Protein backbone atom coordinates (compact mmCIF):
# COMPACT_ATOMS: atom_id res chain seq x y z
CA UNK A 1 152.88 180.41 -59.43
CA UNK A 2 152.42 179.52 -55.65
CA UNK A 3 155.95 180.74 -54.91
CA UNK A 4 155.42 184.02 -56.75
CA UNK A 5 152.04 184.65 -54.76
CA UNK A 6 153.86 183.74 -51.55
CA UNK A 7 156.63 186.15 -52.16
CA UNK A 8 154.11 188.86 -53.16
CA UNK A 9 152.17 188.38 -49.90
CA UNK A 10 155.34 188.47 -47.76
CA UNK A 11 156.59 191.70 -49.46
CA UNK A 12 153.19 193.23 -48.27
CA UNK A 13 153.53 192.26 -44.78
CA UNK A 14 151.48 188.99 -44.84
CA UNK A 15 152.71 185.44 -43.91
CA UNK A 16 152.04 182.36 -45.92
CA UNK A 17 152.98 178.74 -46.01
CA UNK A 18 152.32 176.01 -48.63
CA UNK A 19 151.21 172.65 -47.29
CA UNK A 20 150.52 169.31 -48.82
CA UNK A 21 149.74 166.03 -47.24
CA UNK A 22 147.11 163.38 -46.90
CA UNK A 23 144.16 165.81 -46.94
CA UNK A 24 145.11 166.58 -50.60
CA UNK A 25 143.95 163.23 -51.70
CA UNK A 26 141.24 162.56 -48.97
CA UNK A 27 137.91 161.52 -50.70
CA UNK A 28 136.03 163.66 -48.30
CA UNK A 29 138.01 166.79 -49.40
CA UNK A 30 137.66 165.98 -53.07
CA UNK A 31 133.96 165.57 -52.70
CA UNK A 32 133.61 168.83 -50.70
CA UNK A 33 135.62 170.86 -53.34
CA UNK A 34 133.69 169.02 -56.26
CA UNK A 35 136.83 167.76 -57.96
CA UNK A 36 136.38 165.48 -60.77
CA UNK A 37 138.38 162.34 -61.70
CA UNK A 38 140.79 164.17 -63.89
CA UNK A 39 141.40 167.05 -61.41
CA UNK A 40 144.02 167.11 -58.77
CA UNK A 41 144.49 169.16 -55.67
CA UNK A 42 148.18 170.08 -55.15
CA UNK A 43 148.17 171.63 -51.69
CA UNK A 44 146.93 174.47 -49.42
CA UNK A 45 148.24 178.00 -49.18
CA UNK A 46 147.69 179.29 -45.79
CA UNK A 47 147.67 183.19 -45.51
CA UNK A 48 147.62 185.18 -42.29
CA UNK A 49 149.32 188.06 -40.40
CA UNK A 50 152.89 187.74 -39.40
CA UNK A 51 153.92 187.95 -35.92
CA UNK A 52 155.00 191.11 -34.13
CA UNK A 53 158.73 189.96 -34.26
CA UNK A 54 160.59 188.26 -36.96
CA UNK A 55 162.33 186.10 -34.32
CA UNK A 56 161.96 182.32 -34.88
CA UNK A 57 162.46 179.93 -32.02
CA UNK A 58 165.72 177.83 -32.16
CA UNK A 59 165.18 174.43 -33.57
CA UNK A 60 167.72 171.77 -32.70
CA UNK A 61 169.10 169.87 -35.59
CA UNK A 62 167.22 166.58 -36.49
CA UNK A 63 169.11 163.36 -35.81
CA UNK A 64 168.28 161.61 -39.10
CA UNK A 65 169.46 158.24 -37.51
CA UNK A 66 166.25 158.23 -35.51
CA UNK A 67 164.06 158.58 -38.66
CA UNK A 68 165.75 156.23 -41.13
CA UNK A 69 165.95 152.49 -41.03
CA UNK A 70 167.85 150.30 -43.52
CA UNK A 71 166.83 146.90 -44.86
CA UNK A 72 169.24 144.65 -46.43
CA UNK A 73 168.31 142.37 -49.38
CA UNK A 74 168.86 138.66 -48.88
CA UNK A 75 170.88 137.15 -51.64
CA UNK A 76 168.81 134.65 -53.70
CA UNK A 77 165.41 136.14 -53.12
């Protein structure tokens, strides 16, 4: 559903991005929105105008070795 809405927005000249994160489960956000115990917030759809150009700044590839750490199980534990 969100993907379809995002595609529709983009086809009409708008920009959008779907975001999730800690705010989705934050008690303050749940209270402000009046969410009940059985309800879930899945994310936020940000909608806005697109930039004048469609150029995107170049992003360097991420070196995943700087983001991943490995742990090794000790035999017998």
